[in-house]
Structures are given as structure tokens and as C-alpha cells.
Amino acid sequence: MSADTREKINWSNVKTVARTDLKQLIQAKDFWVPMSLLGSFFFIIIPAILLVTITKIGSVDVVSNISQTLEVLPASARDQIQGDTPGGQTGYALAVFLFAPVAVIVPLTISTAVGAATIVGERERGTGEFLAHSPASAREIYLGKLVASLIPGYFTTVVGFGAYSLIVNLTVGPEVGGWFFPTQQWWTMILWVLPPFLAICLSLVLRLSARVRSTAAAQQASGLVSLPLIMIAYSQSTGVLFGAGYLSIYLGAFAWAVAIFSLNRGVRSVTRSRLLGVAAGI
């Protein structure tokens, strides 16, 4: 390990790098406007339409038929379903189980899009040389870029999850006896399982961003990396929601261990030569 990665971290430099990137991101309307629409579509618009429709049509045959399909869920999941009417039970199942991918796909998509361009973008904008000769070490630059990529994903999760929770409690809550969301399984997924998967994905994406020669190449490569991780995170988060005892705790602990290892290895991908474009090839 080089001396640059062993030296003590100056967190002021990390914050400066992250703040600069976030300021540029806020000014990039061509990025955050589509991402905001994406988050609104999955967290608010689709859930609101489906849940309002399900809970308002009550005992219509369609809802009864849908509620019968709940029998295919695992026994642990069926035991959690609340509500005395088909509409209430269906709404509960949709709110708690069906929309699990939302909390995984949206933050991973947004943070990956930011991380893919964060390092190679410096070279394309011509600011890589300035950053390479700044007082910040390569490790501090890497951590600053990581923070700047994580914040949009976490911000989207907090805002979107809060809006989604409000919609669920207002539409389904009256059908199942009051406000019930977030459930314990959702808290576990959001606070314990999702963060390390997000960190793992970004650690790989930042490595790619440091090695490729263009933002387009970084985005294409990051898609190949993030898609399998999204699928894994989705399958595991669904298992958490279905109720798997302490498995979710063990899963989160394992994911955190992998994330820490991957992030530590990823520090080596950011070098001053790559910021200058001297060693940009994979």
C-alpha cells in the first residue's frame, strides 16, 4: 500500500471534494430533473394509483381474485398480512411486499449514475489536473467522491421512503386498523441491508470511473456491474420483508464486511496519474 493511502485522512479535504461535486450536481438540471421524476414515479405516482384503486373498489371481484393470489406467498409473509376485507389485505400485501424493489432500485440507480461520471468526468471537464495537484490526497479524493455519490442515493431514499410511507398509511391504514408502516422488516432493510449494498456497488463503479476514458464508457460498464447487484439486493430485501428471522441481521453484517473490504480496495483505484489521464486505461 502506498504512503498516500496510509497517511492520516484530512476530513476537511474530503468535505471540500464532496461539496464541490454536490454543488456541480445541483446545477446540472439535465441530471437531477430526470432523477427526481424517476423517484417520484416509483415512490409516489405508481404506489398511490395502485393503492387508492385497490382500497377504493373494496369487495369487487377483481380485488377478491387478487387477494386469493396471496396464498402463493410464504407462510411467514401471509401471517403478517393485516385487514378484515379483501381490499385491506390486498392493499397491505402490495404496500409491504410488492414495492420492495423501489427502495433498492431507485437509490442504486441514482448513486450509480453519479458515481459513474465522478472521476472520469474530471478528466473530460479538464479539472482533473487541478484536482490531482490539490492538497487532498488520493484517498481523500476517493472518499470525497464516494460521499458525493452516496448522498443523492440516501437523500432519495429518505424523501421517497417518507412520501411512500405517508401514502401507504393514508390509503391502506384505515383498512387495517390504523397507521402501520414502516414495518419492522422495512426498517431493517432500509437501515441495515440497503446501505452496504449501495456502498459495494459504488466501490466498484468508482473503480471503473477511475479506469475508463469516457463518461459513456463508465456508464455502460457501471450498468453491467450494478445490474447484478441490484438483482441480488432486490432478492435479499424481498427475503427480509417476507420474514426470515435473524437471517436479515446476518445478511446485513456480511454485506457490511464485503462493503468495507471493497471500499478499502477501491482507494487504490484513484491515483493522481489517472486524474491526469496518464493511466486511464483498464
Protein backbone atom coordinates (compact mmCIF):
# COMPACT_ATOMS: atom_id res chain seq x y z
CA MET A 1 0.00 0.00 0.00
CA SER A 2 1.37 3.41 -0.92
CA ALA A 3 2.15 6.14 1.55
CA ASP A 4 -0.69 8.18 0.03
CA THR A 5 -3.25 5.65 1.26
CA ARG A 6 -1.61 5.18 4.69
CA GLU A 7 -1.49 8.81 5.69
CA LYS A 8 -3.98 10.30 8.09
CA ILE A 9 -7.20 11.47 6.46
CA ASN A 10 -7.93 15.19 6.49
CA TRP A 11 -11.72 15.21 6.60
CA SER A 12 -11.80 18.87 5.67
CA ASN A 13 -10.37 17.94 2.27
CA VAL A 14 -12.91 15.12 1.96
CA LYS A 15 -15.77 17.53 2.65
CA THR A 16 -14.38 20.02 0.15
CA VAL A 17 -14.24 17.43 -2.63
CA ALA A 18 -17.74 16.16 -1.80
CA ARG A 19 -19.20 19.66 -1.51
CA THR A 20 -17.74 20.69 -4.87
CA ASP A 21 -19.20 17.64 -6.60
CA LEU A 22 -22.61 18.11 -4.99
CA LYS A 23 -22.68 21.77 -5.97
CA GLN A 24 -21.98 20.84 -9.58
CA LEU A 25 -24.67 18.15 -9.40
CA ILE A 26 -27.28 20.60 -8.10
CA GLN A 27 -26.51 22.91 -11.01
CA ALA A 28 -26.86 20.05 -13.52
CA LYS A 29 -30.61 20.19 -14.17
CA ASP A 30 -30.26 17.71 -17.01
CA PHE A 31 -29.35 15.13 -14.34
CA TRP A 32 -31.41 15.81 -11.24
CA VAL A 33 -34.67 16.67 -13.01
CA PRO A 34 -34.93 13.21 -14.68
CA MET A 35 -33.75 11.54 -11.46
CA SER A 36 -36.38 13.42 -9.46
CA LEU A 37 -39.03 12.32 -11.91
CA LEU A 38 -37.78 8.75 -11.64
CA GLY A 39 -38.01 8.81 -7.85
CA SER A 40 -41.44 10.45 -7.91
CA PHE A 41 -42.74 7.91 -10.41
CA PHE A 42 -41.71 4.86 -8.38
CA PHE A 43 -42.11 6.17 -4.84
CA ILE A 44 -45.29 8.24 -5.24
CA ILE A 45 -47.22 8.04 -8.50
CA ILE A 46 -47.41 4.27 -9.10
CA PRO A 47 -47.99 3.29 -5.43
CA ALA A 48 -50.64 6.00 -5.00
CA ILE A 49 -52.58 4.92 -8.09
CA LEU A 50 -52.47 1.21 -7.26
CA LEU A 51 -53.20 1.52 -3.54
CA VAL A 52 -56.00 4.03 -3.96
CA THR A 53 -57.56 1.87 -6.68
CA ILE A 54 -57.32 -1.30 -4.59
CA THR A 55 -58.67 0.19 -1.37
CA LYS A 56 -61.50 2.16 -3.01
CA ILE A 57 -63.04 -0.62 -5.08
CA GLY A 58 -63.49 -2.70 -1.93
CA SER A 59 -65.13 -6.08 -2.47
CA VAL A 60 -65.19 -6.04 -6.27
CA ASP A 61 -64.46 -9.46 -7.76
CA VAL A 62 -61.13 -8.25 -9.13
CA VAL A 63 -59.86 -7.45 -5.64
CA SER A 64 -61.18 -10.74 -4.32
CA ASN A 65 -59.34 -12.61 -7.03
CA ILE A 66 -56.16 -10.69 -6.33
CA SER A 67 -56.43 -11.39 -2.62
CA GLN A 68 -56.69 -15.11 -3.34
CA THR A 69 -53.30 -14.99 -5.04
CA LEU A 70 -51.80 -14.05 -1.68
CA GLU A 71 -51.85 -17.76 -0.91
CA VAL A 72 -48.72 -18.13 -3.03
CA LEU A 73 -46.76 -16.03 -0.52
CA PRO A 74 -44.63 -17.83 2.08
CA ALA A 75 -46.42 -18.70 5.31
CA SER A 76 -44.29 -16.18 7.22
CA ALA A 77 -45.47 -13.44 4.87
CA ARG A 78 -49.14 -14.47 4.98
CA ASP A 79 -49.07 -14.39 8.77
CA GLN A 80 -48.07 -10.72 8.65
CA ILE A 81 -50.95 -9.61 6.43
CA GLN A 82 -53.49 -7.45 8.22
CA GLY A 83 -57.02 -6.42 7.32
CA ASP A 84 -60.50 -7.93 7.51
CA THR A 85 -61.53 -7.20 3.91
CA PRO A 86 -60.06 -8.41 0.61
CA GLY A 87 -59.24 -4.80 -0.27
CA GLY A 88 -57.44 -4.22 3.02
CA GLN A 89 -55.46 -7.45 2.82
CA THR A 90 -54.53 -6.86 -0.80
CA GLY A 91 -53.51 -3.27 -0.10
CA TYR A 92 -51.37 -4.40 2.84
CA ALA A 93 -49.63 -7.08 0.79
CA LEU A 94 -48.95 -4.70 -2.09
CA ALA A 95 -47.67 -1.96 0.21
CA VAL A 96 -45.37 -4.17 2.25
CA PHE A 97 -44.18 -6.75 -0.28
CA LEU A 98 -44.77 -5.68 -3.89
CA PHE A 99 -42.95 -2.35 -3.74
CA ALA A 100 -39.81 -3.72 -2.10
CA PRO A 101 -37.78 -3.20 -5.31
CA VAL A 102 -38.46 0.55 -5.16
CA ALA A 103 -36.28 1.04 -2.08
CA VAL A 104 -33.44 -0.82 -3.82
CA ILE A 105 -33.62 0.12 -7.48
CA VAL A 106 -34.08 3.89 -7.22
CA PRO A 107 -31.22 4.74 -4.81
CA LEU A 108 -28.82 2.35 -6.55
CA THR A 109 -29.72 3.79 -9.95
CA ILE A 110 -29.21 7.39 -8.85
CA SER A 111 -25.98 6.85 -6.91
CA THR A 112 -24.56 4.69 -9.69
CA ALA A 113 -25.29 7.40 -12.26
CA VAL A 114 -23.47 9.95 -10.11
CA GLY A 115 -20.54 7.67 -9.31
CA ALA A 116 -20.02 6.57 -12.92
CA ALA A 117 -19.06 10.06 -14.04
CA THR A 118 -17.49 11.44 -10.90
CA ILE A 119 -13.83 10.68 -11.69
CA VAL A 120 -13.70 10.29 -15.46
CA GLY A 121 -15.83 13.43 -15.62
CA GLU A 122 -12.99 15.39 -14.03
CA ARG A 123 -10.74 14.50 -16.96
CA GLU A 124 -13.42 15.32 -19.53
CA ARG A 125 -14.09 18.73 -17.94
CA GLY A 126 -10.37 19.46 -17.74
CA THR A 127 -10.46 19.76 -13.95
CA GLY A 128 -8.60 16.51 -13.29
CA GLU A 129 -5.22 18.25 -13.35
CA PHE A 130 -6.38 20.82 -10.80
CA LEU A 131 -7.71 18.07 -8.53
CA ALA A 132 -4.56 15.97 -8.95
CA HIS A 133 -2.39 18.86 -7.78
CA SER A 134 -4.69 19.87 -4.93
CA PRO A 135 -3.65 19.41 -1.28
CA ALA A 136 -6.08 16.48 -0.99
CA SER A 137 -4.51 13.03 -1.09
CA ALA A 138 -5.74 10.35 -3.47
CA ARG A 139 -7.51 8.66 -0.56
CA GLU A 140 -9.27 11.88 0.42
CA ILE A 141 -10.32 12.47 -3.18
CA TYR A 142 -11.73 8.93 -3.34
CA LEU A 143 -13.66 9.36 -0.09
CA GLY A 144 -14.99 12.74 -1.20
CA LYS A 145 -16.21 11.26 -4.47
CA LEU A 146 -17.76 8.36 -2.57
CA VAL A 147 -19.65 10.68 -0.20
CA ALA A 148 -20.84 12.81 -3.13
CA SER A 149 -22.20 9.67 -4.81
CA LEU A 150 -23.81 8.26 -1.67
CA ILE A 151 -25.67 11.39 -0.60
CA PRO A 152 -28.04 11.60 -3.62
CA GLY A 153 -28.98 7.94 -3.18
CA TYR A 154 -29.58 8.26 0.55
CA PHE A 155 -31.42 11.57 0.10
CA THR A 156 -33.72 9.95 -2.44
CA THR A 157 -34.32 7.04 -0.07
CA VAL A 158 -35.20 9.30 2.87
CA VAL A 159 -37.51 11.61 0.91
CA GLY A 160 -39.04 8.89 -1.26
CA PHE A 161 -39.45 6.44 1.61
CA GLY A 162 -41.08 9.14 3.74
CA ALA A 163 -43.53 10.03 0.96
CA TYR A 164 -44.26 6.36 0.29
CA SER A 165 -44.89 5.70 4.00
CA LEU A 166 -47.34 8.58 4.14
CA ILE A 167 -49.22 7.30 1.07
CA VAL A 168 -49.39 3.77 2.48
CA ASN A 169 -50.69 4.88 5.87
CA LEU A 170 -53.27 7.24 4.40
CA THR A 171 -54.64 4.76 1.85
CA VAL A 172 -54.19 1.34 3.47
CA GLY A 173 -54.06 2.34 7.14
CA PRO A 174 -57.82 2.91 7.51
CA GLU A 175 -58.44 -0.56 6.05
CA VAL A 176 -56.18 -2.38 8.53
CA GLY A 177 -56.90 -0.55 11.77
CA GLY A 178 -54.56 2.43 11.67
CA TRP A 179 -51.09 3.51 10.68
CA PHE A 180 -48.76 0.54 10.46
CA PHE A 181 -45.96 1.45 8.05
CA PRO A 182 -42.94 1.18 8.10
CA THR A 183 -42.96 -2.34 9.44
CA GLN A 184 -40.02 -3.78 11.36
CA GLN A 185 -38.83 -5.62 8.27
CA TRP A 186 -38.80 -2.41 6.24
CA TRP A 187 -36.75 -0.61 8.91
CA THR A 188 -34.26 -3.48 8.83
CA MET A 189 -34.00 -3.33 5.06
CA ILE A 190 -33.67 0.46 4.83
CA LEU A 191 -31.26 0.99 7.74
CA TRP A 192 -29.22 -2.23 7.76
CA VAL A 193 -29.40 -4.14 4.47
CA LEU A 194 -29.60 -1.46 1.76
CA PRO A 195 -26.65 0.79 2.82
CA PRO A 196 -23.89 -1.83 2.44
CA PHE A 197 -25.22 -2.95 -0.95
CA LEU A 198 -25.16 0.69 -2.04
CA ALA A 199 -21.57 1.01 -0.79
CA ILE A 200 -20.49 -2.19 -2.57
CA CYS A 201 -22.00 -1.01 -5.84
CA LEU A 202 -20.37 2.41 -5.60
CA SER A 203 -16.98 1.00 -4.68
CA LEU A 204 -16.99 -0.95 -7.96
CA VAL A 205 -18.43 1.91 -10.01
CA LEU A 206 -15.82 4.38 -8.74
CA ARG A 207 -13.06 1.97 -9.75
CA LEU A 208 -14.50 1.84 -13.25
CA SER A 209 -14.85 5.61 -13.37
CA ALA A 210 -11.15 5.94 -12.50
CA ARG A 211 -10.02 3.49 -15.18
CA VAL A 212 -12.11 4.19 -18.28
CA ARG A 213 -11.54 7.03 -20.75
CA SER A 214 -15.05 8.48 -21.14
CA THR A 215 -18.25 9.04 -19.19
CA ALA A 216 -20.19 6.99 -21.74
CA ALA A 217 -17.87 4.03 -21.21
CA ALA A 218 -18.15 4.45 -17.43
CA GLN A 219 -21.95 4.45 -17.59
CA GLN A 220 -22.04 1.36 -19.79
CA ALA A 221 -19.61 -0.51 -17.56
CA SER A 222 -21.37 0.59 -14.38
CA GLY A 223 -24.64 -0.76 -15.77
CA LEU A 224 -23.07 -4.18 -16.16
CA VAL A 225 -21.79 -4.00 -12.58
CA SER A 226 -24.85 -2.53 -10.92
CA LEU A 227 -27.50 -4.73 -12.55
CA PRO A 228 -26.36 -7.98 -10.86
CA LEU A 229 -26.01 -6.14 -7.54
CA ILE A 230 -29.49 -4.67 -7.92
CA MET A 231 -30.87 -8.16 -8.56
CA ILE A 232 -29.04 -9.56 -5.54
CA ALA A 233 -30.09 -6.68 -3.31
CA TYR A 234 -33.68 -6.99 -4.52
CA SER A 235 -33.85 -10.72 -3.84
CA GLN A 236 -32.32 -10.31 -0.41
CA SER A 237 -34.53 -7.36 0.52
CA THR A 238 -37.59 -9.33 -0.53
CA GLY A 239 -36.45 -12.16 1.73
CA VAL A 240 -36.06 -9.69 4.56
CA LEU A 241 -39.61 -8.43 4.08
CA PHE A 242 -41.04 -11.91 3.89
CA GLY A 243 -39.59 -12.53 7.34
CA ALA A 244 -36.54 -14.68 7.78
CA GLY A 245 -35.79 -14.33 11.47
CA TYR A 246 -32.22 -13.32 12.15
CA LEU A 247 -31.17 -14.00 8.56
CA SER A 248 -31.54 -10.31 7.70
CA ILE A 249 -29.17 -9.37 10.53
CA TYR A 250 -26.57 -11.87 9.35
CA LEU A 251 -27.06 -10.80 5.74
CA GLY A 252 -26.53 -7.15 6.62
CA ALA A 253 -23.44 -7.95 8.68
CA PHE A 254 -21.93 -9.95 5.81
CA ALA A 255 -22.76 -7.19 3.32
CA TRP A 256 -21.14 -4.59 5.58
CA ALA A 257 -17.97 -6.70 5.78
CA VAL A 258 -17.86 -7.01 1.99
CA ALA A 259 -18.54 -3.28 1.61
CA ILE A 260 -15.70 -2.29 3.95
CA PHE A 261 -13.28 -4.61 2.16
CA SER A 262 -14.37 -3.40 -1.28
CA LEU A 263 -14.18 0.27 -0.29
CA ASN A 264 -10.71 -0.23 1.16
CA ARG A 265 -9.55 -1.89 -2.05
CA GLY A 266 -11.20 0.81 -4.11
CA VAL A 267 -8.99 3.51 -2.62
CA ARG A 268 -6.14 2.23 -4.78
CA SER A 269 -8.09 2.89 -7.98
CA VAL A 270 -7.83 6.67 -7.56
CA THR A 271 -4.33 7.90 -8.34
CA ARG A 272 -3.03 11.28 -9.43
CA SER A 273 -1.88 9.80 -12.73
CA ARG A 274 -5.43 8.64 -13.51
CA LEU A 275 -6.85 12.03 -12.65
CA LEU A 276 -4.38 13.48 -15.14
CA GLY A 277 -5.40 10.88 -17.73
CA VAL A 278 -1.95 9.29 -17.86
CA ALA A 279 -3.18 5.87 -16.74
CA ALA A 280 -6.83 5.89 -17.68
CA GLY A 281 -6.93 2.52 -19.41
CA ILE A 282 -8.30 -0.55 -17.67
